[in-house]
Amino acid sequence: PSPVDPGTGFFLDARLADAPVTSSVTPPPLSGGTLLVLGETAI
């Protein structure tokens, strides 16, 4: 399992703690509605 962030108490995905990500492709504009929670699972 991922380590727990001591500041928040939440699990921390190690991939999010690395250096900033730089992309050669310009990302799309921000949009909403990208999270669906199904009981104990999040998409």
PDB file of all heavy atoms in Angstrom:
ATOM      1  N   PRO A   1       0.820  -1.206   0.000  1.00  0.00           N
ATOM      2  CA  PRO A   1       0.000   0.000   0.000  1.00  0.00           C
ATOM      3  C   PRO A   1       0.852   1.253   0.000  1.00  0.00           C
ATOM      4  O   PRO A   1       1.988   1.253   0.450  1.00  0.00           O
ATOM      5  CB  PRO A   1      -0.823  -0.090   1.276  1.00  0.00           C
ATOM      6  CG  PRO A   1      -0.605  -1.457   1.834  1.00  0.00           C
ATOM      7  CD  PRO A   1       0.568  -2.056   1.131  1.00  0.00           C
ATOM      8  N   SER A   2       0.285   2.337  -0.460  1.00  0.00           N
ATOM      9  CA  SER A   2       0.980   3.619  -0.482  1.00  0.00           C
ATOM     10  C   SER A   2       1.137   4.136   0.938  1.00  0.00           C
ATOM     11  O   SER A   2       0.331   3.845   1.810  1.00  0.00           O
ATOM     12  CB  SER A   2       0.177   4.627  -1.298  1.00  0.00           C
ATOM     13  OG  SER A   2       0.026   4.170  -2.615  1.00  0.00           O
ATOM     14  N   PRO A   3       2.168   4.958   1.175  1.00  0.00           N
ATOM     15  CA  PRO A   3       2.359   5.518   2.509  1.00  0.00           C
ATOM     16  C   PRO A   3       1.258   6.521   2.841  1.00  0.00           C
ATOM     17  O   PRO A   3       0.641   7.099   1.949  1.00  0.00           O
ATOM     18  CB  PRO A   3       3.721   6.203   2.410  1.00  0.00           C
ATOM     19  CG  PRO A   3       3.918   6.460   0.962  1.00  0.00           C
ATOM     20  CD  PRO A   3       3.200   5.351   0.236  1.00  0.00           C
ATOM     21  N   VAL A   4       1.032   6.731   4.117  1.00  0.00           N
ATOM     22  CA  VAL A   4       0.035   7.692   4.571  1.00  0.00           C
ATOM     23  C   VAL A   4       0.701   9.053   4.701  1.00  0.00           C
ATOM     24  O   VAL A   4       1.777   9.184   5.288  1.00  0.00           O
ATOM     25  CB  VAL A   4      -0.562   7.257   5.932  1.00  0.00           C
ATOM     26  CG1 VAL A   4      -1.499   8.318   6.469  1.00  0.00           C
ATOM     27  CG2 VAL A   4      -1.272   5.929   5.788  1.00  0.00           C
ATOM     28  N   ASP A   5       0.064  10.075   4.147  1.00  0.00           N
ATOM     29  CA  ASP A   5       0.565  11.444   4.259  1.00  0.00           C
ATOM     30  C   ASP A   5       0.321  11.900   5.695  1.00  0.00           C
ATOM     31  O   ASP A   5      -0.822  11.959   6.142  1.00  0.00           O
ATOM     32  CB  ASP A   5      -0.183  12.336   3.271  1.00  0.00           C
ATOM     33  CG  ASP A   5       0.266  13.789   3.311  1.00  0.00           C
ATOM     34  OD1 ASP A   5       0.635  14.279   4.390  1.00  0.00           O
ATOM     35  OD2 ASP A   5       0.229  14.425   2.250  1.00  0.00           O
ATOM     36  N   PRO A   6       1.376  12.223   6.437  1.00  0.00           N
ATOM     37  CA  PRO A   6       1.198  12.596   7.842  1.00  0.00           C
ATOM     38  C   PRO A   6       0.394  13.874   8.029  1.00  0.00           C
ATOM     39  O   PRO A   6      -0.268  14.047   9.040  1.00  0.00           O
ATOM     40  CB  PRO A   6       2.631  12.766   8.363  1.00  0.00           C
ATOM     41  CG  PRO A   6       3.497  12.891   7.163  1.00  0.00           C
ATOM     42  CD  PRO A   6       2.769  12.247   6.015  1.00  0.00           C
ATOM     43  N   GLY A   7       0.388  14.748   7.041  1.00  0.00           N
ATOM     44  CA  GLY A   7      -0.353  16.005   7.156  1.00  0.00           C
ATOM     45  C   GLY A   7      -1.855  15.836   7.051  1.00  0.00           C
ATOM     46  O   GLY A   7      -2.621  16.556   7.685  1.00  0.00           O
ATOM     47  N   THR A   8      -2.291  14.877   6.232  1.00  0.00           N
ATOM     48  CA  THR A   8      -3.731  14.721   5.995  1.00  0.00           C
ATOM     49  C   THR A   8      -4.284  13.412   6.529  1.00  0.00           C
ATOM     50  O   THR A   8      -5.473  13.295   6.752  1.00  0.00           O
ATOM     51  CB  THR A   8      -4.039  14.770   4.491  1.00  0.00           C
ATOM     52  OG1 THR A   8      -3.396  13.659   3.854  1.00  0.00           O
ATOM     53  CG2 THR A   8      -3.576  16.074   3.869  1.00  0.00           C
ATOM     54  N   GLY A   9      -3.438  12.410   6.684  1.00  0.00           N
ATOM     55  CA  GLY A   9      -3.920  11.098   7.101  1.00  0.00           C
ATOM     56  C   GLY A   9      -4.415  10.259   5.939  1.00  0.00           C
ATOM     57  O   GLY A   9      -4.858   9.139   6.114  1.00  0.00           O
ATOM     58  N   PHE A  10      -4.359  10.800   4.715  1.00  0.00           N
ATOM     59  CA  PHE A  10      -4.808  10.076   3.540  1.00  0.00           C
ATOM     60  C   PHE A  10      -3.655   9.273   2.951  1.00  0.00           C
ATOM     61  O   PHE A  10      -2.493   9.614   3.118  1.00  0.00           O
ATOM     62  CB  PHE A  10      -5.331  11.037   2.464  1.00  0.00           C
ATOM     63  CG  PHE A  10      -6.617  11.711   2.844  1.00  0.00           C
ATOM     64  CD1 PHE A  10      -6.631  13.043   3.203  1.00  0.00           C
ATOM     65  CD2 PHE A  10      -7.813  11.010   2.837  1.00  0.00           C
ATOM     66  CE1 PHE A  10      -7.811  13.670   3.548  1.00  0.00           C
ATOM     67  CE2 PHE A  10      -8.999  11.622   3.185  1.00  0.00           C
ATOM     68  CZ  PHE A  10      -9.002  12.957   3.546  1.00  0.00           C
ATOM     69  N   PHE A  11      -4.012   8.221   2.238  1.00  0.00           N
ATOM     70  CA  PHE A  11      -2.997   7.460   1.520  1.00  0.00           C
ATOM     71  C   PHE A  11      -2.453   8.337   0.404  1.00  0.00           C
ATOM     72  O   PHE A  11      -3.188   9.089  -0.219  1.00  0.00           O
ATOM     73  CB  PHE A  11      -3.591   6.179   0.926  1.00  0.00           C
ATOM     74  CG  PHE A  11      -3.889   5.137   1.945  1.00  0.00           C
ATOM     75  CD1 PHE A  11      -5.173   4.967   2.421  1.00  0.00           C
ATOM     76  CD2 PHE A  11      -2.881   4.322   2.452  1.00  0.00           C
ATOM     77  CE1 PHE A  11      -5.453   4.004   3.368  1.00  0.00           C
ATOM     78  CE2 PHE A  11      -3.152   3.356   3.398  1.00  0.00           C
ATOM     79  CZ  PHE A  11      -4.439   3.198   3.866  1.00  0.00           C
ATOM     80  N   LEU A  12      -1.178   8.218   0.133  1.00  0.00           N
ATOM     81  CA  LEU A  12      -0.532   9.015  -0.898  1.00  0.00           C
ATOM     82  C   LEU A  12       0.004   8.094  -1.978  1.00  0.00           C
ATOM     83  O   LEU A  12       0.801   7.202  -1.705  1.00  0.00           O
ATOM     84  CB  LEU A  12       0.623   9.822  -0.280  1.00  0.00           C
ATOM     85  CG  LEU A  12       1.440  10.694  -1.222  1.00  0.00           C
ATOM     86  CD1 LEU A  12       0.555  11.801  -1.792  1.00  0.00           C
ATOM     87  CD2 LEU A  12       2.612  11.307  -0.488  1.00  0.00           C
ATOM     88  N   ASP A  13      -0.462   8.289  -3.196  1.00  0.00           N
ATOM     89  CA  ASP A  13       0.044   7.525  -4.329  1.00  0.00           C
ATOM     90  C   ASP A  13       1.434   8.071  -4.649  1.00  0.00           C
ATOM     91  O   ASP A  13       1.592   9.259  -4.960  1.00  0.00           O
ATOM     92  CB  ASP A  13      -0.891   7.684  -5.528  1.00  0.00           C
ATOM     93  CG  ASP A  13      -0.507   6.806  -6.699  1.00  0.00           C
ATOM     94  OD1 ASP A  13       0.693   6.527  -6.885  1.00  0.00           O
ATOM     95  OD2 ASP A  13      -1.410   6.402  -7.442  1.00  0.00           O
ATOM     96  N   ALA A  14       2.444   7.238  -4.555  1.00  0.00           N
ATOM     97  CA  ALA A  14       3.832   7.663  -4.741  1.00  0.00           C
ATOM     98  C   ALA A  14       4.048   8.350  -6.086  1.00  0.00           C
ATOM     99  O   ALA A  14       4.909   9.216  -6.212  1.00  0.00           O
ATOM    100  CB  ALA A  14       4.766   6.465  -4.593  1.00  0.00           C
ATOM    101  N   ARG A  15       3.256   7.988  -7.098  1.00  0.00           N
ATOM    102  CA  ARG A  15       3.427   8.604  -8.412  1.00  0.00           C
ATOM    103  C   ARG A  15       3.092  10.095  -8.371  1.00  0.00           C
ATOM    104  O   ARG A  15       3.527  10.859  -9.215  1.00  0.00           O
ATOM    105  CB  ARG A  15       2.547   7.907  -9.445  1.00  0.00           C
ATOM    106  CG  ARG A  15       2.954   6.467  -9.693  1.00  0.00           C
ATOM    107  CD  ARG A  15       2.002   5.793 -10.643  1.00  0.00           C
ATOM    108  NE  ARG A  15       0.700   5.667  -9.997  1.00  0.00           N
ATOM    109  CZ  ARG A  15      -0.365   5.108 -10.546  1.00  0.00           C
ATOM    110  NH1 ARG A  15      -0.299   4.634 -11.761  1.00  0.00           N
ATOM    111  NH2 ARG A  15      -1.496   5.015  -9.891  1.00  0.00           N
ATOM    112  N   LEU A  16       2.299  10.515  -7.376  1.00  0.00           N
ATOM    113  CA  LEU A  16       1.911  11.917  -7.282  1.00  0.00           C
ATOM    114  C   LEU A  16       2.929  12.736  -6.494  1.00  0.00           C
ATOM    115  O   LEU A  16       2.861  13.959  -6.465  1.00  0.00           O
ATOM    116  CB  LEU A  16       0.535  12.034  -6.621  1.00  0.00           C
ATOM    117  CG  LEU A  16      -0.601  11.310  -7.343  1.00  0.00           C
ATOM    118  CD1 LEU A  16      -1.879  11.432  -6.547  1.00  0.00           C
ATOM    119  CD2 LEU A  16      -0.785  11.865  -8.740  1.00  0.00           C
ATOM    120  N   ALA A  17       3.840  12.088  -5.817  1.00  0.00           N
ATOM    121  CA  ALA A  17       4.818  12.778  -4.981  1.00  0.00           C
ATOM    122  C   ALA A  17       6.115  13.088  -5.724  1.00  0.00           C
ATOM    123  O   ALA A  17       6.967  13.778  -5.203  1.00  0.00           O
ATOM    124  CB  ALA A  17       5.117  11.932  -3.742  1.00  0.00           C
ATOM    125  N   ASP A  18       6.247  12.564  -6.933  1.00  0.00           N
ATOM    126  CA  ASP A  18       7.461  12.804  -7.714  1.00  0.00           C
ATOM    127  C   ASP A  18       7.490  14.237  -8.240  1.00  0.00           C
ATOM    128  O   ASP A  18       6.588  15.023  -8.010  1.00  0.00           O
ATOM    129  CB  ASP A  18       7.528  11.815  -8.887  1.00  0.00           C
ATOM    130  CG  ASP A  18       7.723  10.382  -8.412  1.00  0.00           C
ATOM    131  OD1 ASP A  18       8.249  10.198  -7.292  1.00  0.00           O
ATOM    132  OD2 ASP A  18       7.340   9.461  -9.139  1.00  0.00           O
ATOM    133  N   ALA A  19       8.519  14.542  -8.985  1.00  0.00           N
ATOM    134  CA  ALA A  19       8.680  15.872  -9.573  1.00  0.00           C
ATOM    135  C   ALA A  19       7.528  16.168 -10.529  1.00  0.00           C
ATOM    136  O   ALA A  19       6.851  15.259 -11.004  1.00  0.00           O
ATOM    137  CB  ALA A  19      10.009  15.919 -10.324  1.00  0.00           C
ATOM    138  N   PRO A  20       7.288  17.449 -10.820  1.00  0.00           N
ATOM    139  CA  PRO A  20       6.214  17.810 -11.757  1.00  0.00           C
ATOM    140  C   PRO A  20       6.380  17.090 -13.096  1.00  0.00           C
ATOM    141  O   PRO A  20       7.497  16.827 -13.537  1.00  0.00           O
ATOM    142  CB  PRO A  20       6.386  19.320 -11.933  1.00  0.00           C
ATOM    143  CG  PRO A  20       7.126  19.772 -10.720  1.00  0.00           C
ATOM    144  CD  PRO A  20       7.993  18.604 -10.320  1.00  0.00           C
ATOM    145  N   VAL A  21       5.265  16.816 -13.736  1.00  0.00           N
ATOM    146  CA  VAL A  21       5.262  16.134 -15.025  1.00  0.00           C
ATOM    147  C   VAL A  21       5.213  17.181 -16.123  1.00  0.00           C
ATOM    148  O   VAL A  21       4.411  18.111 -16.069  1.00  0.00           O
ATOM    149  CB  VAL A  21       4.035  15.192 -15.142  1.00  0.00           C
ATOM    150  CG1 VAL A  21       3.961  14.573 -16.514  1.00  0.00           C
ATOM    151  CG2 VAL A  21       4.083  14.146 -14.054  1.00  0.00           C
ATOM    152  N   THR A  22       6.058  17.031 -17.115  1.00  0.00           N
ATOM    153  CA  THR A  22       6.060  17.912 -18.267  1.00  0.00           C
ATOM    154  C   THR A  22       5.648  17.094 -19.474  1.00  0.00           C
ATOM    155  O   THR A  22       6.150  15.998 -19.682  1.00  0.00           O
ATOM    156  CB  THR A  22       7.468  18.508 -18.494  1.00  0.00           C
ATOM    157  OG1 THR A  22       7.867  19.195 -17.304  1.00  0.00           O
ATOM    158  CG2 THR A  22       7.470  19.473 -19.655  1.00  0.00           C
ATOM    159  N   SER A  23       4.720  17.641 -20.249  1.00  0.00           N
ATOM    160  CA  SER A  23       4.205  16.924 -21.406  1.00  0.00           C
ATOM    161  C   SER A  23       4.584  17.654 -22.680  1.00  0.00           C
ATOM    162  O   SER A  23       4.576  18.885 -22.728  1.00  0.00           O
ATOM    163  CB  SER A  23       2.676  16.817 -21.307  1.00  0.00           C
ATOM    164  OG  SER A  23       2.158  16.220 -22.470  1.00  0.00           O
ATOM    165  N   SER A  24       4.875  16.879 -23.721  1.00  0.00           N
ATOM    166  CA  SER A  24       5.174  17.478 -25.023  1.00  0.00           C
ATOM    167  C   SER A  24       3.880  17.857 -25.742  1.00  0.00           C
ATOM    168  O   SER A  24       3.898  18.581 -26.724  1.00  0.00           O
ATOM    169  CB  SER A  24       5.981  16.504 -25.879  1.00  0.00           C
ATOM    170  OG  SER A  24       5.243  15.315 -26.084  1.00  0.00           O
ATOM    171  N   VAL A  25       2.751  17.358 -25.232  1.00  0.00           N
ATOM    172  CA  VAL A  25       1.437  17.653 -25.805  1.00  0.00           C
ATOM    173  C   VAL A  25       0.702  18.590 -24.844  1.00  0.00           C
ATOM    174  O   VAL A  25       0.640  18.330 -23.643  1.00  0.00           O
ATOM    175  CB  VAL A  25       0.621  16.356 -25.992  1.00  0.00           C
ATOM    176  CG1 VAL A  25      -0.752  16.660 -26.534  1.00  0.00           C
ATOM    177  CG2 VAL A  25       1.366  15.390 -26.896  1.00  0.00           C
ATOM    178  N   THR A  26       0.155  19.675 -25.370  1.00  0.00           N
ATOM    179  CA  THR A  26      -0.601  20.601 -24.532  1.00  0.00           C
ATOM    180  C   THR A  26      -1.855  19.894 -24.025  1.00  0.00           C
ATOM    181  O   THR A  26      -2.616  19.334 -24.820  1.00  0.00           O
ATOM    182  CB  THR A  26      -1.002  21.850 -25.338  1.00  0.00           C
ATOM    183  OG1 THR A  26       0.177  22.446 -25.853  1.00  0.00           O
ATOM    184  CG2 THR A  26      -1.765  22.834 -24.467  1.00  0.00           C
ATOM    185  N   PRO A  27      -2.064  19.885 -22.701  1.00  0.00           N
ATOM    186  CA  PRO A  27      -3.243  19.202 -22.166  1.00  0.00           C
ATOM    187  C   PRO A  27      -4.524  19.942 -22.545  1.00  0.00           C
ATOM    188  O   PRO A  27      -4.491  21.144 -22.831  1.00  0.00           O
ATOM    189  CB  PRO A  27      -3.017  19.208 -20.657  1.00  0.00           C
ATOM    190  CG  PRO A  27      -2.068  20.314 -20.402  1.00  0.00           C
ATOM    191  CD  PRO A  27      -1.239  20.459 -21.643  1.00  0.00           C
ATOM    192  N   PRO A  28      -5.657  19.234 -22.532  1.00  0.00           N
ATOM    193  CA  PRO A  28      -6.937  19.866 -22.858  1.00  0.00           C
ATOM    194  C   PRO A  28      -7.355  20.827 -21.740  1.00  0.00           C
ATOM    195  O   PRO A  28      -6.825  20.753 -20.626  1.00  0.00           O
ATOM    196  CB  PRO A  28      -7.901  18.684 -22.952  1.00  0.00           C
ATOM    197  CG  PRO A  28      -7.289  17.640 -22.082  1.00  0.00           C
ATOM    198  CD  PRO A  28      -5.804  17.820 -22.215  1.00  0.00           C
ATOM    199  N   PRO A  29      -8.324  21.710 -22.013  1.00  0.00           N
ATOM    200  CA  PRO A  29      -8.818  22.595 -20.956  1.00  0.00           C
ATOM    201  C   PRO A  29      -9.421  21.766 -19.817  1.00  0.00           C
ATOM    202  O   PRO A  29      -9.858  20.634 -20.028  1.00  0.00           O
ATOM    203  CB  PRO A  29      -9.918  23.402 -21.641  1.00  0.00           C
ATOM    204  CG  PRO A  29      -9.778  23.162 -23.086  1.00  0.00           C
ATOM    205  CD  PRO A  29      -8.998  21.905 -23.273  1.00  0.00           C
ATOM    206  N   LEU A  30      -9.442  22.345 -18.620  1.00  0.00           N
ATOM    207  CA  LEU A  30     -10.032  21.658 -17.477  1.00  0.00           C
ATOM    208  C   LEU A  30     -11.505  21.391 -17.737  1.00  0.00           C
ATOM    209  O   LEU A  30     -12.214  22.216 -18.312  1.00  0.00           O
ATOM    210  CB  LEU A  30      -9.896  22.504 -16.209  1.00  0.00           C
ATOM    211  CG  LEU A  30      -8.479  22.697 -15.687  1.00  0.00           C
ATOM    212  CD1 LEU A  30      -8.508  23.613 -14.480  1.00  0.00           C
ATOM    213  CD2 LEU A  30      -7.842  21.376 -15.327  1.00  0.00           C
ATOM    214  N   SER A  31     -11.966  20.227 -17.309  1.00  0.00           N
ATOM    215  CA  SER A  31     -13.384  19.897 -17.418  1.00  0.00           C
ATOM    216  C   SER A  31     -13.785  19.189 -16.142  1.00  0.00           C
ATOM    217  O   SER A  31     -12.954  18.654 -15.418  1.00  0.00           O
ATOM    218  CB  SER A  31     -13.647  19.013 -18.641  1.00  0.00           C
ATOM    219  OG  SER A  31     -12.937  17.801 -18.530  1.00  0.00           O
ATOM    220  N   GLY A  32     -15.065  19.170 -15.864  1.00  0.00           N
ATOM    221  CA  GLY A  32     -15.543  18.572 -14.616  1.00  0.00           C
ATOM    222  C   GLY A  32     -16.195  17.228 -14.837  1.00  0.00           C
ATOM    223  O   GLY A  32     -16.320  16.746 -15.958  1.00  0.00           O
ATOM    224  N   GLY A  33     -16.605  16.616 -13.736  1.00  0.00           N
ATOM    225  CA  GLY A  33     -17.339  15.365 -13.812  1.00  0.00           C
ATOM    226  C   GLY A  33     -16.482  14.157 -14.076  1.00  0.00           C
ATOM    227  O   GLY A  33     -16.933  13.211 -14.713  1.00  0.00           O
ATOM    228  N   THR A  34     -15.249  14.153 -13.606  1.00  0.00           N
ATOM    229  CA  THR A  34     -14.356  13.047 -13.923  1.00  0.00           C
ATOM    230  C   THR A  34     -14.162  12.079 -12.757  1.00  0.00           C
ATOM    231  O   THR A  34     -13.200  11.329 -12.729  1.00  0.00           O
ATOM    232  CB  THR A  34     -12.987  13.567 -14.384  1.00  0.00           C
ATOM    233  OG1 THR A  34     -12.435  14.382 -13.344  1.00  0.00           O
ATOM    234  CG2 THR A  34     -13.105  14.372 -15.659  1.00  0.00           C
ATOM    235  N   LEU A  35     -15.093  12.071 -11.801  1.00  0.00           N
ATOM    236  CA  LEU A  35     -14.988  11.171 -10.661  1.00  0.00           C
ATOM    237  C   LEU A  35     -16.333  10.499 -10.411  1.00  0.00           C
ATOM    238  O   LEU A  35     -17.364  11.151 -10.371  1.00  0.00           O
ATOM    239  CB  LEU A  35     -14.566  11.945  -9.403  1.00  0.00           C
ATOM    240  CG  LEU A  35     -14.493  11.145  -8.111  1.00  0.00           C
ATOM    241  CD1 LEU A  35     -13.366  10.117  -8.175  1.00  0.00           C
ATOM    242  CD2 LEU A  35     -14.285  12.081  -6.926  1.00  0.00           C
ATOM    243  N   LEU A  36     -16.299   9.177 -10.272  1.00  0.00           N
ATOM    244  CA  LEU A  36     -17.493   8.399  -9.958  1.00  0.00           C
ATOM    245  C   LEU A  36     -17.145   7.498  -8.785  1.00  0.00           C
ATOM    246  O   LEU A  36     -16.181   6.731  -8.859  1.00  0.00           O
ATOM    247  CB  LEU A  36     -17.911   7.550 -11.175  1.00  0.00           C
ATOM    248  CG  LEU A  36     -19.103   6.625 -10.992  1.00  0.00           C
ATOM    249  CD1 LEU A  36     -20.386   7.424 -10.779  1.00  0.00           C
ATOM    250  CD2 LEU A  36     -19.254   5.730 -12.213  1.00  0.00           C
ATOM    251  N   VAL A  37     -17.902   7.598  -7.693  1.00  0.00           N
ATOM    252  CA  VAL A  37     -17.664   6.763  -6.519  1.00  0.00           C
ATOM    253  C   VAL A  37     -18.751   5.705  -6.445  1.00  0.00           C
ATOM    254  O   VAL A  37     -19.947   6.025  -6.457  1.00  0.00           O
ATOM    255  CB  VAL A  37     -17.614   7.604  -5.225  1.00  0.00           C
ATOM    256  CG1 VAL A  37     -17.440   6.711  -4.005  1.00  0.00           C
ATOM    257  CG2 VAL A  37     -16.483   8.619  -5.296  1.00  0.00           C
ATOM    258  N   LEU A  38     -18.318   4.445  -6.381  1.00  0.00           N
ATOM    259  CA  LEU A  38     -19.215   3.298  -6.293  1.00  0.00           C
ATOM    260  C   LEU A  38     -18.883   2.544  -5.005  1.00  0.00           C
ATOM    261  O   LEU A  38     -18.014   1.679  -5.010  1.00  0.00           O
ATOM    262  CB  LEU A  38     -19.035   2.377  -7.501  1.00  0.00           C
ATOM    263  CG  LEU A  38     -19.194   3.013  -8.875  1.00  0.00           C
ATOM    264  CD1 LEU A  38     -18.762   2.050  -9.971  1.00  0.00           C
ATOM    265  CD2 LEU A  38     -20.633   3.448  -9.081  1.00  0.00           C
ATOM    266  N   GLY A  39     -19.508   2.925  -3.915  1.00  0.00           N
ATOM    267  CA  GLY A  39     -19.222   2.274  -2.639  1.00  0.00           C
ATOM    268  C   GLY A  39     -17.789   2.519  -2.214  1.00  0.00           C
ATOM    269  O   GLY A  39     -17.400   3.649  -1.944  1.00  0.00           O
ATOM    270  N   GLU A  40     -16.992   1.475  -2.180  1.00  0.00           N
ATOM    271  CA  GLU A  40     -15.599   1.571  -1.745  1.00  0.00           C
ATOM    272  C   GLU A  40     -14.624   1.690  -2.911  1.00  0.00           C
ATOM    273  O   GLU A  40     -13.418   1.537  -2.747  1.00  0.00           O
ATOM    274  CB  GLU A  40     -15.252   0.350  -0.886  1.00  0.00           C
ATOM    275  CG  GLU A  40     -16.083   0.282   0.385  1.00  0.00           C
ATOM    276  CD  GLU A  40     -15.824  -0.962   1.204  1.00  0.00           C
ATOM    277  OE1 GLU A  40     -15.210  -1.925   0.692  1.00  0.00           O
ATOM    278  OE2 GLU A  40     -16.235  -0.973   2.376  1.00  0.00           O
ATOM    279  N   THR A  41     -15.161   1.958  -4.099  1.00  0.00           N
ATOM    280  CA  THR A  41     -14.345   2.077  -5.310  1.00  0.00           C
ATOM    281  C   THR A  41     -14.569   3.440  -5.939  1.00  0.00           C
ATOM    282  O   THR A  41     -15.698   3.918  -6.017  1.00  0.00           O
ATOM    283  CB  THR A  41     -14.720   0.983  -6.320  1.00  0.00           C
ATOM    284  OG1 THR A  41     -14.534  -0.293  -5.712  1.00  0.00           O
ATOM    285  CG2 THR A  41     -13.892   1.066  -7.585  1.00  0.00           C
ATOM    286  N   ALA A  42     -13.498   4.056  -6.400  1.00  0.00           N
ATOM    287  CA  ALA A  42     -13.600   5.314  -7.142  1.00  0.00           C
ATOM    288  C   ALA A  42     -13.068   5.087  -8.549  1.00  0.00           C
ATOM    289  O   ALA A  42     -12.053   4.415  -8.742  1.00  0.00           O
ATOM    290  CB  ALA A  42     -12.801   6.415  -6.459  1.00  0.00           C
ATOM    291  N   ILE A  43     -13.766   5.634  -9.522  1.00  0.00           N
ATOM    292  CA  ILE A  43     -13.313   5.621 -10.907  1.00  0.00           C
ATOM    293  C   ILE A  43     -12.929   7.066 -11.219  1.00  0.00           C
ATOM    294  O   ILE A  43     -13.741   7.980 -11.058  1.00  0.00           O
ATOM    295  CB  ILE A  43     -14.415   5.157 -11.885  1.00  0.00           C
ATOM    296  CG1 ILE A  43     -15.148   3.924 -11.392  1.00  0.00           C
ATOM    297  CG2 ILE A  43     -13.842   4.992 -13.285  1.00  0.00           C
ATOM    298  CD1 ILE A  43     -14.344   2.671 -11.345  1.00  0.00           C
TER     299      ILE A  43
END
